Amino acid sequence: MRFGVELAVKAPITELVESLKIYDTYGFDRVWIPDASISMWEIWTTASLAATHTQRVRIGLGVTAPYHRNPAVIAHAAATIDQLSGGRLDLTIGRGGRGYLRSIGADADDAGVEEAIAILRGLLAGETVSYDGKVFHFEEVSLRVQAQQEHVNIYIATTSDYWMEIAARCADGIHTYSSNPKLLGAAREWAARSETEPFTIVTTLGFIEPPEAREWWVNNFSRNYNLQKLSGREIDTASYEELLEDLAFTDKASLLAQVDRLERNGADELMIAYRQPEDLPVIAEMVRSIA
């Protein structure tokens, strides 16, 4: 099992820089940098700081959406960060929050995700890309910088069969948000159908403090219809304790139980989300103690 941590979106960038300076010492395999409208910092600026201040860990970008960040912009930034980091970048692409995208006039058809991945593959490989899709139309577009890696992994964020099917068709893996055995079973089935090898399953769990913030985290995911459907239940039918078991951990014992559950159900990587900057060394110590 690989371990990564998603940088806290509520932490000021100056605090994150101090964390990134010592991130390699924590023993994690990856640092994840989310693209969130509620974040106190911008994704690519922070990715450049991660690439500069770390030497060992891989850098995961996402989830980011191709609607408010055009695939050409994503590819240019990604190739630059891959060069800066010495070839340590991976991407997660997703549909994005429809409400936010509508509010800025950037919403478009779902087809844009798969189209964006096809465009990104070409641009990151140094190709000149022409593409006439439902959402994106490119005419002989190329970059002056090429990714250092021969192949940059691109995952799709998903909590539904719909997006898992698309990921199996065009991505290098699935990025989901639960340790629920039924949901991970669905992810494994789609992974088996993919022609990509390896096909990676990443899942996110929260170490969310204080308790009232944890309750918000759990209840927020409990309203996700597709996630609950994949977990084999309807919205508002599970107890808080059942949801907590799928979505978070609170101490070393519950982390160990989650890791055992994930390994038994085929997950390859655990991404840990947190909110308070002071919780990062606490998480690192828990991970070290069970690794």
Protein backbone atom coordinates (compact mmCIF):
# COMPACT_ATOMS: atom_id res chain seq x y z
CA MET A 1 0.00 0.00 0.00
CA ARG A 2 1.33 3.41 -1.00
CA PHE A 3 0.51 6.49 1.09
CA GLY A 4 0.03 10.08 0.05
CA VAL A 5 -1.36 13.20 1.66
CA GLU A 6 -3.52 15.88 0.10
CA LEU A 7 -2.33 19.34 1.11
CA ALA A 8 -4.81 21.16 3.34
CA VAL A 9 -6.91 23.58 1.28
CA LYS A 10 -7.59 25.74 4.35
CA ALA A 11 -3.91 26.26 5.21
CA PRO A 12 -2.19 29.49 4.06
CA ILE A 13 0.43 28.96 1.36
CA THR A 14 3.19 30.19 3.69
CA GLU A 15 2.39 27.37 6.13
CA LEU A 16 2.33 24.81 3.30
CA VAL A 17 5.80 25.87 2.19
CA GLU A 18 7.16 25.07 5.64
CA SER A 19 5.48 21.65 5.48
CA LEU A 20 6.83 20.97 1.99
CA LYS A 21 10.40 21.74 3.09
CA ILE A 22 10.33 18.68 5.38
CA TYR A 23 7.77 16.57 3.49
CA ASP A 24 10.34 14.07 2.20
CA THR A 25 11.27 13.20 5.79
CA TYR A 26 7.73 12.05 6.61
CA GLY A 27 8.02 8.86 4.58
CA PHE A 28 4.99 9.35 2.34
CA ASP A 29 5.09 8.14 -1.26
CA ARG A 30 3.29 11.14 -2.74
CA VAL A 31 2.04 14.65 -2.08
CA TRP A 32 -1.34 15.42 -3.62
CA ILE A 33 -2.25 18.98 -4.65
CA PRO A 34 -6.00 19.49 -5.14
CA ASP A 35 -7.67 22.05 -7.38
CA ALA A 36 -10.48 23.44 -5.22
CA SER A 37 -12.44 26.67 -5.51
CA ILE A 38 -12.38 26.91 -1.68
CA SER A 39 -8.59 26.61 -1.52
CA MET A 40 -6.42 29.36 -0.08
CA TRP A 41 -3.88 28.85 -2.89
CA GLU A 42 -3.67 28.05 -6.61
CA ILE A 43 -2.84 24.54 -7.81
CA TRP A 44 0.02 25.06 -10.27
CA THR A 45 1.81 27.65 -8.14
CA THR A 46 1.70 25.20 -5.25
CA ALA A 47 2.82 22.34 -7.50
CA SER A 48 5.94 24.30 -8.42
CA LEU A 49 6.67 24.77 -4.72
CA ALA A 50 6.20 21.05 -4.13
CA ALA A 51 8.54 20.23 -7.02
CA THR A 52 11.15 22.65 -5.66
CA HIS A 53 11.03 21.70 -1.98
CA THR A 54 10.80 17.90 -2.35
CA GLN A 55 13.27 15.53 -3.96
CA ARG A 56 11.83 12.04 -3.48
CA VAL A 57 8.02 11.91 -3.34
CA ARG A 58 5.83 11.79 -6.39
CA ILE A 59 3.57 14.77 -7.03
CA GLY A 60 -0.11 14.18 -7.70
CA LEU A 61 -2.05 17.01 -9.32
CA GLY A 62 -5.79 16.99 -8.93
CA VAL A 63 -8.50 16.61 -9.08
CA THR A 64 -8.53 19.30 -11.79
CA ALA A 65 -11.12 19.80 -14.53
CA PRO A 66 -10.46 20.65 -18.20
CA TYR A 67 -13.37 23.08 -18.48
CA HIS A 68 -11.98 26.09 -16.60
CA ARG A 69 -8.39 24.99 -17.29
CA ASN A 70 -8.04 24.26 -20.99
CA PRO A 71 -6.12 21.05 -21.83
CA ALA A 72 -3.42 23.12 -23.54
CA VAL A 73 -2.90 25.09 -20.31
CA ILE A 74 -2.90 21.90 -18.21
CA ALA A 75 -0.40 20.22 -20.55
CA HIS A 76 1.94 23.23 -20.58
CA ALA A 77 1.91 23.49 -16.79
CA ALA A 78 2.19 19.71 -16.32
CA ALA A 79 5.18 19.40 -18.66
CA THR A 80 6.90 22.27 -16.85
CA ILE A 81 6.28 20.73 -13.41
CA ASP A 82 7.41 17.31 -14.66
CA GLN A 83 10.68 18.85 -15.82
CA LEU A 84 11.09 20.83 -12.59
CA SER A 85 10.43 17.76 -10.42
CA GLY A 86 12.69 15.42 -12.36
CA GLY A 87 9.80 13.34 -13.75
CA ARG A 88 7.66 12.87 -10.64
CA LEU A 89 4.25 14.14 -11.82
CA ASP A 90 0.89 12.35 -12.12
CA LEU A 91 -2.49 13.90 -12.92
CA THR A 92 -6.07 13.28 -11.85
CA ILE A 93 -8.72 14.72 -14.16
CA GLY A 94 -12.39 14.97 -13.23
CA ARG A 95 -15.73 16.42 -14.20
CA GLY A 96 -15.45 19.20 -11.63
CA GLY A 97 -18.20 20.78 -9.59
CA ARG A 98 -21.04 21.65 -11.95
CA GLY A 99 -22.30 24.46 -9.74
CA TYR A 100 -18.94 26.20 -9.64
CA LEU A 101 -18.33 25.70 -13.37
CA ARG A 102 -21.75 27.15 -14.19
CA SER A 103 -21.09 30.13 -11.93
CA ILE A 104 -18.02 31.07 -13.98
CA GLY A 105 -19.54 30.20 -17.37
CA ALA A 106 -17.23 27.23 -17.94
CA ASP A 107 -19.55 24.20 -17.82
CA ALA A 108 -19.68 21.89 -20.84
CA ASP A 109 -20.50 18.34 -21.90
CA ASP A 110 -19.08 15.32 -20.02
CA ALA A 111 -17.26 14.33 -23.21
CA GLY A 112 -14.71 17.02 -22.42
CA VAL A 113 -12.96 14.80 -19.86
CA GLU A 114 -12.13 11.99 -22.28
CA GLU A 115 -11.31 14.49 -25.02
CA ALA A 116 -8.97 16.35 -22.68
CA ILE A 117 -7.11 13.17 -21.80
CA ALA A 118 -6.55 12.38 -25.47
CA ILE A 119 -5.23 15.90 -26.05
CA LEU A 120 -3.02 15.78 -22.94
CA ARG A 121 -1.51 12.45 -24.03
CA GLY A 122 -0.42 13.96 -27.34
CA LEU A 123 0.86 17.27 -26.05
CA LEU A 124 2.80 15.74 -23.16
CA ALA A 125 4.45 13.32 -25.59
CA GLY A 126 5.69 16.22 -27.71
CA GLU A 127 3.22 15.70 -30.55
CA THR A 128 1.47 18.34 -32.63
CA VAL A 129 -2.21 17.86 -31.84
CA SER A 130 -5.22 18.44 -34.04
CA TYR A 131 -8.52 17.41 -32.48
CA ASP A 132 -12.14 18.02 -33.41
CA GLY A 133 -14.34 16.90 -30.54
CA LYS A 134 -17.66 17.74 -28.96
CA VAL A 135 -16.06 20.16 -26.50
CA PHE A 136 -12.50 20.84 -27.67
CA HIS A 137 -11.25 21.87 -31.11
CA PHE A 138 -7.47 22.00 -31.59
CA GLU A 139 -5.66 22.80 -34.83
CA GLU A 140 -1.95 21.92 -34.97
CA VAL A 141 -1.19 22.75 -31.34
CA SER A 142 2.16 21.83 -29.78
CA LEU A 143 4.27 22.74 -26.78
CA ARG A 144 7.85 23.96 -26.64
CA VAL A 145 8.40 21.91 -23.50
CA GLN A 146 7.96 18.14 -23.25
CA ALA A 147 7.36 16.11 -20.09
CA GLN A 148 10.49 14.42 -18.77
CA GLN A 149 8.63 11.14 -18.28
CA GLU A 150 7.90 9.12 -21.38
CA HIS A 151 4.40 8.55 -19.97
CA VAL A 152 2.61 10.79 -17.45
CA ASN A 153 -0.06 8.85 -15.58
CA ILE A 154 -3.56 10.33 -15.85
CA TYR A 155 -6.26 9.09 -13.48
CA ILE A 156 -9.97 9.91 -13.52
CA ALA A 157 -11.78 10.96 -10.35
CA THR A 158 -14.96 8.93 -9.97
CA THR A 159 -17.69 7.88 -7.60
CA SER A 160 -19.84 6.18 -10.26
CA ASP A 161 -19.87 3.29 -12.73
CA TYR A 162 -20.29 5.87 -15.49
CA TRP A 163 -16.89 7.49 -14.87
CA MET A 164 -15.23 4.18 -13.96
CA GLU A 165 -16.15 2.88 -17.41
CA ILE A 166 -14.61 5.97 -19.03
CA ALA A 167 -11.48 5.58 -16.88
CA ALA A 168 -11.13 1.94 -17.92
CA ARG A 169 -11.27 3.07 -21.54
CA CYS A 170 -8.80 5.97 -21.53
CA ALA A 171 -7.04 6.50 -18.19
CA ASP A 172 -4.26 4.93 -16.13
CA GLY A 173 -6.41 4.47 -13.08
CA ILE A 174 -9.32 5.48 -10.87
CA HIS A 175 -9.25 8.00 -8.04
CA THR A 176 -12.18 7.50 -5.68
CA TYR A 177 -13.24 8.40 -2.14
CA SER A 178 -14.12 5.42 0.04
CA SER A 179 -12.90 2.15 1.52
CA ASN A 180 -16.32 0.54 0.99
CA PRO A 181 -15.81 -3.05 -0.26
CA LYS A 182 -18.66 -2.87 -2.80
CA LEU A 183 -17.36 0.36 -4.29
CA LEU A 184 -13.80 -0.97 -4.49
CA GLY A 185 -15.15 -4.20 -5.97
CA ALA A 186 -16.68 -2.16 -8.79
CA ALA A 187 -13.36 -0.37 -9.27
CA ARG A 188 -11.56 -3.73 -9.52
CA GLU A 189 -14.04 -4.97 -12.11
CA TRP A 190 -13.47 -1.93 -14.29
CA ALA A 191 -9.71 -2.21 -13.77
CA ALA A 192 -9.85 -5.78 -15.06
CA ARG A 193 -11.58 -4.56 -18.22
CA SER A 194 -8.94 -1.92 -18.92
CA GLU A 195 -6.17 -2.60 -21.41
CA THR A 196 -3.85 -0.36 -19.36
CA GLU A 197 -1.25 -2.13 -17.24
CA PRO A 198 -0.84 -1.26 -14.45
CA PHE A 199 -4.26 0.25 -13.80
CA THR A 200 -4.10 2.01 -10.44
CA ILE A 201 -6.85 2.39 -7.83
CA VAL A 202 -6.33 5.38 -5.53
CA THR A 203 -8.81 6.15 -2.77
CA THR A 204 -9.11 9.08 -0.39
CA LEU A 205 -9.90 8.88 3.33
CA GLY A 206 -9.99 11.75 5.77
CA PHE A 207 -8.15 12.40 9.01
CA ILE A 208 -10.34 15.36 9.81
CA GLU A 209 -10.10 17.29 13.04
CA PRO A 210 -11.77 18.68 15.08
CA PRO A 211 -14.76 16.29 15.40
CA GLU A 212 -17.27 18.83 14.08
CA ALA A 213 -15.20 19.18 10.89
CA ARG A 214 -15.08 15.38 10.60
CA GLU A 215 -18.87 15.26 10.90
CA TRP A 216 -19.17 17.78 8.06
CA TRP A 217 -16.78 15.69 5.92
CA VAL A 218 -18.71 12.48 6.46
CA ASN A 219 -22.13 14.07 5.98
CA ASN A 220 -20.97 15.82 2.80
CA PHE A 221 -20.02 12.50 1.18
CA SER A 222 -23.18 10.87 2.54
CA ARG A 223 -25.19 13.09 0.18
CA ASN A 224 -23.29 11.89 -2.89
CA TYR A 225 -25.91 9.74 -4.65
CA ASN A 226 -23.51 7.88 -6.93
CA LEU A 227 -21.02 7.10 -4.16
CA GLN A 228 -23.75 5.73 -1.91
CA LYS A 229 -25.23 3.72 -4.79
CA LEU A 230 -21.85 2.11 -5.53
CA SER A 231 -21.59 1.38 -1.81
CA GLY A 232 -24.83 -0.61 -2.02
CA ARG A 233 -27.17 1.76 -0.22
CA GLU A 234 -29.51 4.70 -0.67
CA ILE A 235 -28.85 8.22 0.58
CA ASP A 236 -29.74 8.74 4.26
CA THR A 237 -30.03 5.02 5.02
CA ALA A 238 -26.63 4.50 6.65
CA SER A 239 -25.74 5.51 10.18
CA TYR A 240 -22.98 8.02 10.86
CA GLU A 241 -20.81 5.18 12.20
CA GLU A 242 -21.23 3.17 8.98
CA LEU A 243 -20.32 6.20 6.87
CA LEU A 244 -17.33 7.01 9.08
CA GLU A 245 -16.01 3.48 8.55
CA ASP A 246 -16.05 4.07 4.78
CA LEU A 247 -14.73 7.60 4.71
CA ALA A 248 -12.27 8.41 7.50
CA PHE A 249 -10.03 7.29 10.33
CA THR A 250 -9.42 8.88 13.72
CA ASP A 251 -6.37 7.16 15.23
CA LYS A 252 -3.69 4.53 14.61
CA ALA A 253 -6.04 1.60 15.24
CA SER A 254 -8.68 2.83 12.79
CA LEU A 255 -5.98 3.65 10.19
CA LEU A 256 -4.62 0.12 10.50
CA ALA A 257 -8.15 -1.27 10.05
CA GLN A 258 -8.66 0.92 6.98
CA VAL A 259 -5.37 -0.15 5.41
CA ASP A 260 -6.25 -3.81 5.96
CA ARG A 261 -9.65 -3.20 4.37
CA LEU A 262 -8.13 -1.40 1.39
CA GLU A 263 -5.50 -4.09 0.79
CA ARG A 264 -8.12 -6.84 0.95
CA ASN A 265 -10.24 -5.00 -1.61
CA GLY A 266 -7.57 -4.19 -4.17
CA ALA A 267 -6.69 -0.52 -3.58
CA ASP A 268 -3.14 0.47 -4.53
CA GLU A 269 -2.80 3.84 -2.83
CA LEU A 270 -4.37 5.69 0.08
CA MET A 271 -4.58 9.46 -0.18
CA ILE A 272 -5.17 11.06 3.21
CA ALA A 273 -7.02 14.37 3.40
CA TYR A 274 -6.64 16.65 6.42
CA ARG A 275 -7.57 20.20 7.40
CA GLN A 276 -5.33 21.43 10.23
CA PRO A 277 -1.64 21.99 9.35
CA GLU A 278 -0.58 20.65 12.74
CA ASP A 279 -2.16 17.28 11.87
CA LEU A 280 0.37 16.48 9.13
CA PRO A 281 3.15 15.24 11.46
CA VAL A 282 0.51 13.32 13.45
CA ILE A 283 -0.58 11.52 10.27
CA ALA A 284 3.06 10.84 9.35
CA GLU A 285 3.75 9.23 12.69
CA MET A 286 0.67 7.01 12.39
CA VAL A 287 1.66 5.90 8.88
CA ARG A 288 5.25 5.20 9.97
CA SER A 289 4.02 3.12 12.89
CA ILE A 290 2.02 0.75 10.69
CA ALA A 291 4.20 0.64 7.58
